PDBML (XML) file of the C-alpha atoms, coordinates in Angstrom:
<?xml version="1.0" encoding="UTF-8" ?>
<PDBx:datablock datablockName="MODEL"
   xmlns:PDBx="http://pdbml.pdb.org/schema/pdbx-v50.xsd"
   xmlns:xsi="http://www.w3.org/2001/XMLSchema-instance"
   xsi:schemaLocation="http://pdbml.pdb.org/schema/pdbx-v50.xsd pdbx-v50.xsd">
   <PDBx:atom_siteCategory>
      <PDBx:atom_site id="1">
         <PDBx:B_iso_or_equiv>0.00</PDBx:B_iso_or_equiv>
         <PDBx:Cartn_x>2.868</PDBx:Cartn_x>
         <PDBx:Cartn_y>-5.625</PDBx:Cartn_y>
         <PDBx:Cartn_z>7.984</PDBx:Cartn_z>
         <PDBx:auth_asym_id>A</PDBx:auth_asym_id>
         <PDBx:auth_atom_id>CA</PDBx:auth_atom_id>
         <PDBx:auth_comp_id>UNK</PDBx:auth_comp_id>
         <PDBx:auth_seq_id>1</PDBx:auth_seq_id>
         <PDBx:group_PDB>ATOM</PDBx:group_PDB>
         <PDBx:label_alt_id xsi:nil="true" />
         <PDBx:label_asym_id>A</PDBx:label_asym_id>
         <PDBx:label_atom_id>CA</PDBx:label_atom_id>
         <PDBx:label_comp_id>UNK</PDBx:label_comp_id>
         <PDBx:label_entity_id>1</PDBx:label_entity_id>
         <PDBx:label_seq_id>1</PDBx:label_seq_id>
         <PDBx:occupancy>1.00</PDBx:occupancy>
         <PDBx:pdbx_PDB_model_num>1</PDBx:pdbx_PDB_model_num>
         <PDBx:type_symbol>C</PDBx:type_symbol>
      </PDBx:atom_site>
      <PDBx:atom_site id="2">
         <PDBx:B_iso_or_equiv>0.00</PDBx:B_iso_or_equiv>
         <PDBx:Cartn_x>-0.883</PDBx:Cartn_x>
         <PDBx:Cartn_y>-5.236</PDBx:Cartn_y>
         <PDBx:Cartn_z>7.601</PDBx:Cartn_z>
         <PDBx:auth_asym_id>A</PDBx:auth_asym_id>
         <PDBx:auth_atom_id>CA</PDBx:auth_atom_id>
         <PDBx:auth_comp_id>UNK</PDBx:auth_comp_id>
         <PDBx:auth_seq_id>2</PDBx:auth_seq_id>
         <PDBx:group_PDB>ATOM</PDBx:group_PDB>
         <PDBx:label_alt_id xsi:nil="true" />
         <PDBx:label_asym_id>A</PDBx:label_asym_id>
         <PDBx:label_atom_id>CA</PDBx:label_atom_id>
         <PDBx:label_comp_id>UNK</PDBx:label_comp_id>
         <PDBx:label_entity_id>1</PDBx:label_entity_id>
         <PDBx:label_seq_id>2</PDBx:label_seq_id>
         <PDBx:occupancy>1.00</PDBx:occupancy>
         <PDBx:pdbx_PDB_model_num>1</PDBx:pdbx_PDB_model_num>
         <PDBx:type_symbol>C</PDBx:type_symbol>
      </PDBx:atom_site>
      <PDBx:atom_site id="3">
         <PDBx:B_iso_or_equiv>0.00</PDBx:B_iso_or_equiv>
         <PDBx:Cartn_x>-1.019</PDBx:Cartn_x>
         <PDBx:Cartn_y>-2.994</PDBx:Cartn_y>
         <PDBx:Cartn_z>10.647</PDBx:Cartn_z>
         <PDBx:auth_asym_id>A</PDBx:auth_asym_id>
         <PDBx:auth_atom_id>CA</PDBx:auth_atom_id>
         <PDBx:auth_comp_id>UNK</PDBx:auth_comp_id>
         <PDBx:auth_seq_id>3</PDBx:auth_seq_id>
         <PDBx:group_PDB>ATOM</PDBx:group_PDB>
         <PDBx:label_alt_id xsi:nil="true" />
         <PDBx:label_asym_id>A</PDBx:label_asym_id>
         <PDBx:label_atom_id>CA</PDBx:label_atom_id>
         <PDBx:label_comp_id>UNK</PDBx:label_comp_id>
         <PDBx:label_entity_id>1</PDBx:label_entity_id>
         <PDBx:label_seq_id>3</PDBx:label_seq_id>
         <PDBx:occupancy>1.00</PDBx:occupancy>
         <PDBx:pdbx_PDB_model_num>1</PDBx:pdbx_PDB_model_num>
         <PDBx:type_symbol>C</PDBx:type_symbol>
      </PDBx:atom_site>
      <PDBx:atom_site id="4">
         <PDBx:B_iso_or_equiv>0.00</PDBx:B_iso_or_equiv>
         <PDBx:Cartn_x>1.820</PDBx:Cartn_x>
         <PDBx:Cartn_y>-0.880</PDBx:Cartn_y>
         <PDBx:Cartn_z>9.280</PDBx:Cartn_z>
         <PDBx:auth_asym_id>A</PDBx:auth_asym_id>
         <PDBx:auth_atom_id>CA</PDBx:auth_atom_id>
         <PDBx:auth_comp_id>UNK</PDBx:auth_comp_id>
         <PDBx:auth_seq_id>4</PDBx:auth_seq_id>
         <PDBx:group_PDB>ATOM</PDBx:group_PDB>
         <PDBx:label_alt_id xsi:nil="true" />
         <PDBx:label_asym_id>A</PDBx:label_asym_id>
         <PDBx:label_atom_id>CA</PDBx:label_atom_id>
         <PDBx:label_comp_id>UNK</PDBx:label_comp_id>
         <PDBx:label_entity_id>1</PDBx:label_entity_id>
         <PDBx:label_seq_id>4</PDBx:label_seq_id>
         <PDBx:occupancy>1.00</PDBx:occupancy>
         <PDBx:pdbx_PDB_model_num>1</PDBx:pdbx_PDB_model_num>
         <PDBx:type_symbol>C</PDBx:type_symbol>
      </PDBx:atom_site>
      <PDBx:atom_site id="5">
         <PDBx:B_iso_or_equiv>0.00</PDBx:B_iso_or_equiv>
         <PDBx:Cartn_x>0.127</PDBx:Cartn_x>
         <PDBx:Cartn_y>-0.620</PDBx:Cartn_y>
         <PDBx:Cartn_z>5.888</PDBx:Cartn_z>
         <PDBx:auth_asym_id>A</PDBx:auth_asym_id>
         <PDBx:auth_atom_id>CA</PDBx:auth_atom_id>
         <PDBx:auth_comp_id>UNK</PDBx:auth_comp_id>
         <PDBx:auth_seq_id>5</PDBx:auth_seq_id>
         <PDBx:group_PDB>ATOM</PDBx:group_PDB>
         <PDBx:label_alt_id xsi:nil="true" />
         <PDBx:label_asym_id>A</PDBx:label_asym_id>
         <PDBx:label_atom_id>CA</PDBx:label_atom_id>
         <PDBx:label_comp_id>UNK</PDBx:label_comp_id>
         <PDBx:label_entity_id>1</PDBx:label_entity_id>
         <PDBx:label_seq_id>5</PDBx:label_seq_id>
         <PDBx:occupancy>1.00</PDBx:occupancy>
         <PDBx:pdbx_PDB_model_num>1</PDBx:pdbx_PDB_model_num>
         <PDBx:type_symbol>C</PDBx:type_symbol>
      </PDBx:atom_site>
      <PDBx:atom_site id="6">
         <PDBx:B_iso_or_equiv>0.00</PDBx:B_iso_or_equiv>
         <PDBx:Cartn_x>-3.155</PDBx:Cartn_x>
         <PDBx:Cartn_y>0.422</PDBx:Cartn_y>
         <PDBx:Cartn_z>7.422</PDBx:Cartn_z>
         <PDBx:auth_asym_id>A</PDBx:auth_asym_id>
         <PDBx:auth_atom_id>CA</PDBx:auth_atom_id>
         <PDBx:auth_comp_id>UNK</PDBx:auth_comp_id>
         <PDBx:auth_seq_id>6</PDBx:auth_seq_id>
         <PDBx:group_PDB>ATOM</PDBx:group_PDB>
         <PDBx:label_alt_id xsi:nil="true" />
         <PDBx:label_asym_id>A</PDBx:label_asym_id>
         <PDBx:label_atom_id>CA</PDBx:label_atom_id>
         <PDBx:label_comp_id>UNK</PDBx:label_comp_id>
         <PDBx:label_entity_id>1</PDBx:label_entity_id>
         <PDBx:label_seq_id>6</PDBx:label_seq_id>
         <PDBx:occupancy>1.00</PDBx:occupancy>
         <PDBx:pdbx_PDB_model_num>1</PDBx:pdbx_PDB_model_num>
         <PDBx:type_symbol>C</PDBx:type_symbol>
      </PDBx:atom_site>
      <PDBx:atom_site id="7">
         <PDBx:B_iso_or_equiv>0.00</PDBx:B_iso_or_equiv>
         <PDBx:Cartn_x>-1.428</PDBx:Cartn_x>
         <PDBx:Cartn_y>3.154</PDBx:Cartn_y>
         <PDBx:Cartn_z>9.407</PDBx:Cartn_z>
         <PDBx:auth_asym_id>A</PDBx:auth_asym_id>
         <PDBx:auth_atom_id>CA</PDBx:auth_atom_id>
         <PDBx:auth_comp_id>UNK</PDBx:auth_comp_id>
         <PDBx:auth_seq_id>7</PDBx:auth_seq_id>
         <PDBx:group_PDB>ATOM</PDBx:group_PDB>
         <PDBx:label_alt_id xsi:nil="true" />
         <PDBx:label_asym_id>A</PDBx:label_asym_id>
         <PDBx:label_atom_id>CA</PDBx:label_atom_id>
         <PDBx:label_comp_id>UNK</PDBx:label_comp_id>
         <PDBx:label_entity_id>1</PDBx:label_entity_id>
         <PDBx:label_seq_id>7</PDBx:label_seq_id>
         <PDBx:occupancy>1.00</PDBx:occupancy>
         <PDBx:pdbx_PDB_model_num>1</PDBx:pdbx_PDB_model_num>
         <PDBx:type_symbol>C</PDBx:type_symbol>
      </PDBx:atom_site>
      <PDBx:atom_site id="8">
         <PDBx:B_iso_or_equiv>0.00</PDBx:B_iso_or_equiv>
         <PDBx:Cartn_x>0.539</PDBx:Cartn_x>
         <PDBx:Cartn_y>4.314</PDBx:Cartn_y>
         <PDBx:Cartn_z>6.363</PDBx:Cartn_z>
         <PDBx:auth_asym_id>A</PDBx:auth_asym_id>
         <PDBx:auth_atom_id>CA</PDBx:auth_atom_id>
         <PDBx:auth_comp_id>UNK</PDBx:auth_comp_id>
         <PDBx:auth_seq_id>8</PDBx:auth_seq_id>
         <PDBx:group_PDB>ATOM</PDBx:group_PDB>
         <PDBx:label_alt_id xsi:nil="true" />
         <PDBx:label_asym_id>A</PDBx:label_asym_id>
         <PDBx:label_atom_id>CA</PDBx:label_atom_id>
         <PDBx:label_comp_id>UNK</PDBx:label_comp_id>
         <PDBx:label_entity_id>1</PDBx:label_entity_id>
         <PDBx:label_seq_id>8</PDBx:label_seq_id>
         <PDBx:occupancy>1.00</PDBx:occupancy>
         <PDBx:pdbx_PDB_model_num>1</PDBx:pdbx_PDB_model_num>
         <PDBx:type_symbol>C</PDBx:type_symbol>
      </PDBx:atom_site>
      <PDBx:atom_site id="9">
         <PDBx:B_iso_or_equiv>0.00</PDBx:B_iso_or_equiv>
         <PDBx:Cartn_x>-2.537</PDBx:Cartn_x>
         <PDBx:Cartn_y>4.500</PDBx:Cartn_y>
         <PDBx:Cartn_z>4.160</PDBx:Cartn_z>
         <PDBx:auth_asym_id>A</PDBx:auth_asym_id>
         <PDBx:auth_atom_id>CA</PDBx:auth_atom_id>
         <PDBx:auth_comp_id>UNK</PDBx:auth_comp_id>
         <PDBx:auth_seq_id>9</PDBx:auth_seq_id>
         <PDBx:group_PDB>ATOM</PDBx:group_PDB>
         <PDBx:label_alt_id xsi:nil="true" />
         <PDBx:label_asym_id>A</PDBx:label_asym_id>
         <PDBx:label_atom_id>CA</PDBx:label_atom_id>
         <PDBx:label_comp_id>UNK</PDBx:label_comp_id>
         <PDBx:label_entity_id>1</PDBx:label_entity_id>
         <PDBx:label_seq_id>9</PDBx:label_seq_id>
         <PDBx:occupancy>1.00</PDBx:occupancy>
         <PDBx:pdbx_PDB_model_num>1</PDBx:pdbx_PDB_model_num>
         <PDBx:type_symbol>C</PDBx:type_symbol>
      </PDBx:atom_site>
      <PDBx:atom_site id="10">
         <PDBx:B_iso_or_equiv>0.00</PDBx:B_iso_or_equiv>
         <PDBx:Cartn_x>-4.153</PDBx:Cartn_x>
         <PDBx:Cartn_y>6.949</PDBx:Cartn_y>
         <PDBx:Cartn_z>6.580</PDBx:Cartn_z>
         <PDBx:auth_asym_id>A</PDBx:auth_asym_id>
         <PDBx:auth_atom_id>CA</PDBx:auth_atom_id>
         <PDBx:auth_comp_id>UNK</PDBx:auth_comp_id>
         <PDBx:auth_seq_id>10</PDBx:auth_seq_id>
         <PDBx:group_PDB>ATOM</PDBx:group_PDB>
         <PDBx:label_alt_id xsi:nil="true" />
         <PDBx:label_asym_id>A</PDBx:label_asym_id>
         <PDBx:label_atom_id>CA</PDBx:label_atom_id>
         <PDBx:label_comp_id>UNK</PDBx:label_comp_id>
         <PDBx:label_entity_id>1</PDBx:label_entity_id>
         <PDBx:label_seq_id>10</PDBx:label_seq_id>
         <PDBx:occupancy>1.00</PDBx:occupancy>
         <PDBx:pdbx_PDB_model_num>1</PDBx:pdbx_PDB_model_num>
         <PDBx:type_symbol>C</PDBx:type_symbol>
      </PDBx:atom_site>
      <PDBx:atom_site id="11">
         <PDBx:B_iso_or_equiv>0.00</PDBx:B_iso_or_equiv>
         <PDBx:Cartn_x>-1.431</PDBx:Cartn_x>
         <PDBx:Cartn_y>9.490</PDBx:Cartn_y>
         <PDBx:Cartn_z>5.888</PDBx:Cartn_z>
         <PDBx:auth_asym_id>A</PDBx:auth_asym_id>
         <PDBx:auth_atom_id>CA</PDBx:auth_atom_id>
         <PDBx:auth_comp_id>UNK</PDBx:auth_comp_id>
         <PDBx:auth_seq_id>11</PDBx:auth_seq_id>
         <PDBx:group_PDB>ATOM</PDBx:group_PDB>
         <PDBx:label_alt_id xsi:nil="true" />
         <PDBx:label_asym_id>A</PDBx:label_asym_id>
         <PDBx:label_atom_id>CA</PDBx:label_atom_id>
         <PDBx:label_comp_id>UNK</PDBx:label_comp_id>
         <PDBx:label_entity_id>1</PDBx:label_entity_id>
         <PDBx:label_seq_id>11</PDBx:label_seq_id>
         <PDBx:occupancy>1.00</PDBx:occupancy>
         <PDBx:pdbx_PDB_model_num>1</PDBx:pdbx_PDB_model_num>
         <PDBx:type_symbol>C</PDBx:type_symbol>
      </PDBx:atom_site>
      <PDBx:atom_site id="12">
         <PDBx:B_iso_or_equiv>0.00</PDBx:B_iso_or_equiv>
         <PDBx:Cartn_x>-0.164</PDBx:Cartn_x>
         <PDBx:Cartn_y>8.767</PDBx:Cartn_y>
         <PDBx:Cartn_z>2.393</PDBx:Cartn_z>
         <PDBx:auth_asym_id>A</PDBx:auth_asym_id>
         <PDBx:auth_atom_id>CA</PDBx:auth_atom_id>
         <PDBx:auth_comp_id>UNK</PDBx:auth_comp_id>
         <PDBx:auth_seq_id>12</PDBx:auth_seq_id>
         <PDBx:group_PDB>ATOM</PDBx:group_PDB>
         <PDBx:label_alt_id xsi:nil="true" />
         <PDBx:label_asym_id>A</PDBx:label_asym_id>
         <PDBx:label_atom_id>CA</PDBx:label_atom_id>
         <PDBx:label_comp_id>UNK</PDBx:label_comp_id>
         <PDBx:label_entity_id>1</PDBx:label_entity_id>
         <PDBx:label_seq_id>12</PDBx:label_seq_id>
         <PDBx:occupancy>1.00</PDBx:occupancy>
         <PDBx:pdbx_PDB_model_num>1</PDBx:pdbx_PDB_model_num>
         <PDBx:type_symbol>C</PDBx:type_symbol>
      </PDBx:atom_site>
      <PDBx:atom_site id="13">
         <PDBx:B_iso_or_equiv>0.00</PDBx:B_iso_or_equiv>
         <PDBx:Cartn_x>-1.562</PDBx:Cartn_x>
         <PDBx:Cartn_y>7.019</PDBx:Cartn_y>
         <PDBx:Cartn_z>-0.647</PDBx:Cartn_z>
         <PDBx:auth_asym_id>A</PDBx:auth_asym_id>
         <PDBx:auth_atom_id>CA</PDBx:auth_atom_id>
         <PDBx:auth_comp_id>UNK</PDBx:auth_comp_id>
         <PDBx:auth_seq_id>13</PDBx:auth_seq_id>
         <PDBx:group_PDB>ATOM</PDBx:group_PDB>
         <PDBx:label_alt_id xsi:nil="true" />
         <PDBx:label_asym_id>A</PDBx:label_asym_id>
         <PDBx:label_atom_id>CA</PDBx:label_atom_id>
         <PDBx:label_comp_id>UNK</PDBx:label_comp_id>
         <PDBx:label_entity_id>1</PDBx:label_entity_id>
         <PDBx:label_seq_id>13</PDBx:label_seq_id>
         <PDBx:occupancy>1.00</PDBx:occupancy>
         <PDBx:pdbx_PDB_model_num>1</PDBx:pdbx_PDB_model_num>
         <PDBx:type_symbol>C</PDBx:type_symbol>
      </PDBx:atom_site>
      <PDBx:atom_site id="14">
         <PDBx:B_iso_or_equiv>0.00</PDBx:B_iso_or_equiv>
         <PDBx:Cartn_x>0.628</PDBx:Cartn_x>
         <PDBx:Cartn_y>4.370</PDBx:Cartn_y>
         <PDBx:Cartn_z>-2.303</PDBx:Cartn_z>
         <PDBx:auth_asym_id>A</PDBx:auth_asym_id>
         <PDBx:auth_atom_id>CA</PDBx:auth_atom_id>
         <PDBx:auth_comp_id>UNK</PDBx:auth_comp_id>
         <PDBx:auth_seq_id>14</PDBx:auth_seq_id>
         <PDBx:group_PDB>ATOM</PDBx:group_PDB>
         <PDBx:label_alt_id xsi:nil="true" />
         <PDBx:label_asym_id>A</PDBx:label_asym_id>
         <PDBx:label_atom_id>CA</PDBx:label_atom_id>
         <PDBx:label_comp_id>UNK</PDBx:label_comp_id>
         <PDBx:label_entity_id>1</PDBx:label_entity_id>
         <PDBx:label_seq_id>14</PDBx:label_seq_id>
         <PDBx:occupancy>1.00</PDBx:occupancy>
         <PDBx:pdbx_PDB_model_num>1</PDBx:pdbx_PDB_model_num>
         <PDBx:type_symbol>C</PDBx:type_symbol>
      </PDBx:atom_site>
      <PDBx:atom_site id="15">
         <PDBx:B_iso_or_equiv>0.00</PDBx:B_iso_or_equiv>
         <PDBx:Cartn_x>2.167</PDBx:Cartn_x>
         <PDBx:Cartn_y>5.106</PDBx:Cartn_y>
         <PDBx:Cartn_z>-5.669</PDBx:Cartn_z>
         <PDBx:auth_asym_id>A</PDBx:auth_asym_id>
         <PDBx:auth_atom_id>CA</PDBx:auth_atom_id>
         <PDBx:auth_comp_id>UNK</PDBx:auth_comp_id>
         <PDBx:auth_seq_id>15</PDBx:auth_seq_id>
         <PDBx:group_PDB>ATOM</PDBx:group_PDB>
         <PDBx:label_alt_id xsi:nil="true" />
         <PDBx:label_asym_id>A</PDBx:label_asym_id>
         <PDBx:label_atom_id>CA</PDBx:label_atom_id>
         <PDBx:label_comp_id>UNK</PDBx:label_comp_id>
         <PDBx:label_entity_id>1</PDBx:label_entity_id>
         <PDBx:label_seq_id>15</PDBx:label_seq_id>
         <PDBx:occupancy>1.00</PDBx:occupancy>
         <PDBx:pdbx_PDB_model_num>1</PDBx:pdbx_PDB_model_num>
         <PDBx:type_symbol>C</PDBx:type_symbol>
      </PDBx:atom_site>
      <PDBx:atom_site id="16">
         <PDBx:B_iso_or_equiv>0.00</PDBx:B_iso_or_equiv>
         <PDBx:Cartn_x>0.562</PDBx:Cartn_x>
         <PDBx:Cartn_y>1.947</PDBx:Cartn_y>
         <PDBx:Cartn_z>-7.032</PDBx:Cartn_z>
         <PDBx:auth_asym_id>A</PDBx:auth_asym_id>
         <PDBx:auth_atom_id>CA</PDBx:auth_atom_id>
         <PDBx:auth_comp_id>UNK</PDBx:auth_comp_id>
         <PDBx:auth_seq_id>16</PDBx:auth_seq_id>
         <PDBx:group_PDB>ATOM</PDBx:group_PDB>
         <PDBx:label_alt_id xsi:nil="true" />
         <PDBx:label_asym_id>A</PDBx:label_asym_id>
         <PDBx:label_atom_id>CA</PDBx:label_atom_id>
         <PDBx:label_comp_id>UNK</PDBx:label_comp_id>
         <PDBx:label_entity_id>1</PDBx:label_entity_id>
         <PDBx:label_seq_id>16</PDBx:label_seq_id>
         <PDBx:occupancy>1.00</PDBx:occupancy>
         <PDBx:pdbx_PDB_model_num>1</PDBx:pdbx_PDB_model_num>
         <PDBx:type_symbol>C</PDBx:type_symbol>
      </PDBx:atom_site>
      <PDBx:atom_site id="17">
         <PDBx:B_iso_or_equiv>0.00</PDBx:B_iso_or_equiv>
         <PDBx:Cartn_x>-1.773</PDBx:Cartn_x>
         <PDBx:Cartn_y>-0.773</PDBx:Cartn_y>
         <PDBx:Cartn_z>-5.907</PDBx:Cartn_z>
         <PDBx:auth_asym_id>A</PDBx:auth_asym_id>
         <PDBx:auth_atom_id>CA</PDBx:auth_atom_id>
         <PDBx:auth_comp_id>UNK</PDBx:auth_comp_id>
         <PDBx:auth_seq_id>17</PDBx:auth_seq_id>
         <PDBx:group_PDB>ATOM</PDBx:group_PDB>
         <PDBx:label_alt_id xsi:nil="true" />
         <PDBx:label_asym_id>A</PDBx:label_asym_id>
         <PDBx:label_atom_id>CA</PDBx:label_atom_id>
         <PDBx:label_comp_id>UNK</PDBx:label_comp_id>
         <PDBx:label_entity_id>1</PDBx:label_entity_id>
         <PDBx:label_seq_id>17</PDBx:label_seq_id>
         <PDBx:occupancy>1.00</PDBx:occupancy>
         <PDBx:pdbx_PDB_model_num>1</PDBx:pdbx_PDB_model_num>
         <PDBx:type_symbol>C</PDBx:type_symbol>
      </PDBx:atom_site>
      <PDBx:atom_site id="18">
         <PDBx:B_iso_or_equiv>0.00</PDBx:B_iso_or_equiv>
         <PDBx:Cartn_x>-1.012</PDBx:Cartn_x>
         <PDBx:Cartn_y>-4.258</PDBx:Cartn_y>
         <PDBx:Cartn_z>-4.640</PDBx:Cartn_z>
         <PDBx:auth_asym_id>A</PDBx:auth_asym_id>
         <PDBx:auth_atom_id>CA</PDBx:auth_atom_id>
         <PDBx:auth_comp_id>UNK</PDBx:auth_comp_id>
         <PDBx:auth_seq_id>18</PDBx:auth_seq_id>
         <PDBx:group_PDB>ATOM</PDBx:group_PDB>
         <PDBx:label_alt_id xsi:nil="true" />
         <PDBx:label_asym_id>A</PDBx:label_asym_id>
         <PDBx:label_atom_id>CA</PDBx:label_atom_id>
         <PDBx:label_comp_id>UNK</PDBx:label_comp_id>
         <PDBx:label_entity_id>1</PDBx:label_entity_id>
         <PDBx:label_seq_id>18</PDBx:label_seq_id>
         <PDBx:occupancy>1.00</PDBx:occupancy>
         <PDBx:pdbx_PDB_model_num>1</PDBx:pdbx_PDB_model_num>
         <PDBx:type_symbol>C</PDBx:type_symbol>
      </PDBx:atom_site>
      <PDBx:atom_site id="19">
         <PDBx:B_iso_or_equiv>0.00</PDBx:B_iso_or_equiv>
         <PDBx:Cartn_x>-2.267</PDBx:Cartn_x>
         <PDBx:Cartn_y>-5.601</PDBx:Cartn_y>
         <PDBx:Cartn_z>-7.959</PDBx:Cartn_z>
         <PDBx:auth_asym_id>A</PDBx:auth_asym_id>
         <PDBx:auth_atom_id>CA</PDBx:auth_atom_id>
         <PDBx:auth_comp_id>UNK</PDBx:auth_comp_id>
         <PDBx:auth_seq_id>19</PDBx:auth_seq_id>
         <PDBx:group_PDB>ATOM</PDBx:group_PDB>
         <PDBx:label_alt_id xsi:nil="true" />
         <PDBx:label_asym_id>A</PDBx:label_asym_id>
         <PDBx:label_atom_id>CA</PDBx:label_atom_id>
         <PDBx:label_comp_id>UNK</PDBx:label_comp_id>
         <PDBx:label_entity_id>1</PDBx:label_entity_id>
         <PDBx:label_seq_id>19</PDBx:label_seq_id>
         <PDBx:occupancy>1.00</PDBx:occupancy>
         <PDBx:pdbx_PDB_model_num>1</PDBx:pdbx_PDB_model_num>
         <PDBx:type_symbol>C</PDBx:type_symbol>
      </PDBx:atom_site>
      <PDBx:atom_site id="20">
         <PDBx:B_iso_or_equiv>0.00</PDBx:B_iso_or_equiv>
         <PDBx:Cartn_x>0.289</PDBx:Cartn_x>
         <PDBx:Cartn_y>-3.415</PDBx:Cartn_y>
         <PDBx:Cartn_z>-9.734</PDBx:Cartn_z>
         <PDBx:auth_asym_id>A</PDBx:auth_asym_id>
         <PDBx:auth_atom_id>CA</PDBx:auth_atom_id>
         <PDBx:auth_comp_id>UNK</PDBx:auth_comp_id>
         <PDBx:auth_seq_id>20</PDBx:auth_seq_id>
         <PDBx:group_PDB>ATOM</PDBx:group_PDB>
         <PDBx:label_alt_id xsi:nil="true" />
         <PDBx:label_asym_id>A</PDBx:label_asym_id>
         <PDBx:label_atom_id>CA</PDBx:label_atom_id>
         <PDBx:label_comp_id>UNK</PDBx:label_comp_id>
         <PDBx:label_entity_id>1</PDBx:label_entity_id>
         <PDBx:label_seq_id>20</PDBx:label_seq_id>
         <PDBx:occupancy>1.00</PDBx:occupancy>
         <PDBx:pdbx_PDB_model_num>1</PDBx:pdbx_PDB_model_num>
         <PDBx:type_symbol>C</PDBx:type_symbol>
      </PDBx:atom_site>
      <PDBx:atom_site id="21">
         <PDBx:B_iso_or_equiv>0.00</PDBx:B_iso_or_equiv>
         <PDBx:Cartn_x>3.018</PDBx:Cartn_x>
         <PDBx:Cartn_y>-4.803</PDBx:Cartn_y>
         <PDBx:Cartn_z>-7.456</PDBx:Cartn_z>
         <PDBx:auth_asym_id>A</PDBx:auth_asym_id>
         <PDBx:auth_atom_id>CA</PDBx:auth_atom_id>
         <PDBx:auth_comp_id>UNK</PDBx:auth_comp_id>
         <PDBx:auth_seq_id>21</PDBx:auth_seq_id>
         <PDBx:group_PDB>ATOM</PDBx:group_PDB>
         <PDBx:label_alt_id xsi:nil="true" />
         <PDBx:label_asym_id>A</PDBx:label_asym_id>
         <PDBx:label_atom_id>CA</PDBx:label_atom_id>
         <PDBx:label_comp_id>UNK</PDBx:label_comp_id>
         <PDBx:label_entity_id>1</PDBx:label_entity_id>
         <PDBx:label_seq_id>21</PDBx:label_seq_id>
         <PDBx:occupancy>1.00</PDBx:occupancy>
         <PDBx:pdbx_PDB_model_num>1</PDBx:pdbx_PDB_model_num>
         <PDBx:type_symbol>C</PDBx:type_symbol>
      </PDBx:atom_site>
      <PDBx:atom_site id="22">
         <PDBx:B_iso_or_equiv>0.00</PDBx:B_iso_or_equiv>
         <PDBx:Cartn_x>1.994</PDBx:Cartn_x>
         <PDBx:Cartn_y>-8.354</PDBx:Cartn_y>
         <PDBx:Cartn_z>-8.343</PDBx:Cartn_z>
         <PDBx:auth_asym_id>A</PDBx:auth_asym_id>
         <PDBx:auth_atom_id>CA</PDBx:auth_atom_id>
         <PDBx:auth_comp_id>UNK</PDBx:auth_comp_id>
         <PDBx:auth_seq_id>22</PDBx:auth_seq_id>
         <PDBx:group_PDB>ATOM</PDBx:group_PDB>
         <PDBx:label_alt_id xsi:nil="true" />
         <PDBx:label_asym_id>A</PDBx:label_asym_id>
         <PDBx:label_atom_id>CA</PDBx:label_atom_id>
         <PDBx:label_comp_id>UNK</PDBx:label_comp_id>
         <PDBx:label_entity_id>1</PDBx:label_entity_id>
         <PDBx:label_seq_id>22</PDBx:label_seq_id>
         <PDBx:occupancy>1.00</PDBx:occupancy>
         <PDBx:pdbx_PDB_model_num>1</PDBx:pdbx_PDB_model_num>
         <PDBx:type_symbol>C</PDBx:type_symbol>
      </PDBx:atom_site>
      <PDBx:atom_site id="23">
         <PDBx:B_iso_or_equiv>0.00</PDBx:B_iso_or_equiv>
         <PDBx:Cartn_x>1.984</PDBx:Cartn_x>
         <PDBx:Cartn_y>-7.597</PDBx:Cartn_y>
         <PDBx:Cartn_z>-12.063</PDBx:Cartn_z>
         <PDBx:auth_asym_id>A</PDBx:auth_asym_id>
         <PDBx:auth_atom_id>CA</PDBx:auth_atom_id>
         <PDBx:auth_comp_id>UNK</PDBx:auth_comp_id>
         <PDBx:auth_seq_id>23</PDBx:auth_seq_id>
         <PDBx:group_PDB>ATOM</PDBx:group_PDB>
         <PDBx:label_alt_id xsi:nil="true" />
         <PDBx:label_asym_id>A</PDBx:label_asym_id>
         <PDBx:label_atom_id>CA</PDBx:label_atom_id>
         <PDBx:label_comp_id>UNK</PDBx:label_comp_id>
         <PDBx:label_entity_id>1</PDBx:label_entity_id>
         <PDBx:label_seq_id>23</PDBx:label_seq_id>
         <PDBx:occupancy>1.00</PDBx:occupancy>
         <PDBx:pdbx_PDB_model_num>1</PDBx:pdbx_PDB_model_num>
         <PDBx:type_symbol>C</PDBx:type_symbol>
      </PDBx:atom_site>
      <PDBx:atom_site id="24">
         <PDBx:B_iso_or_equiv>0.00</PDBx:B_iso_or_equiv>
         <PDBx:Cartn_x>5.390</PDBx:Cartn_x>
         <PDBx:Cartn_y>-5.883</PDBx:Cartn_y>
         <PDBx:Cartn_z>-11.859</PDBx:Cartn_z>
         <PDBx:auth_asym_id>A</PDBx:auth_asym_id>
         <PDBx:auth_atom_id>CA</PDBx:auth_atom_id>
         <PDBx:auth_comp_id>UNK</PDBx:auth_comp_id>
         <PDBx:auth_seq_id>24</PDBx:auth_seq_id>
         <PDBx:group_PDB>ATOM</PDBx:group_PDB>
         <PDBx:label_alt_id xsi:nil="true" />
         <PDBx:label_asym_id>A</PDBx:label_asym_id>
         <PDBx:label_atom_id>CA</PDBx:label_atom_id>
         <PDBx:label_comp_id>UNK</PDBx:label_comp_id>
         <PDBx:label_entity_id>1</PDBx:label_entity_id>
         <PDBx:label_seq_id>24</PDBx:label_seq_id>
         <PDBx:occupancy>1.00</PDBx:occupancy>
         <PDBx:pdbx_PDB_model_num>1</PDBx:pdbx_PDB_model_num>
         <PDBx:type_symbol>C</PDBx:type_symbol>
      </PDBx:atom_site>
   </PDBx:atom_siteCategory>
</PDBx:datablock>
């Protein structure tokens, strides 16, 4: 998952942060 996230973040920014996901 970490590898996939790293690759994804190179091309597109997430709509919210991991901290937001935890809070929600």
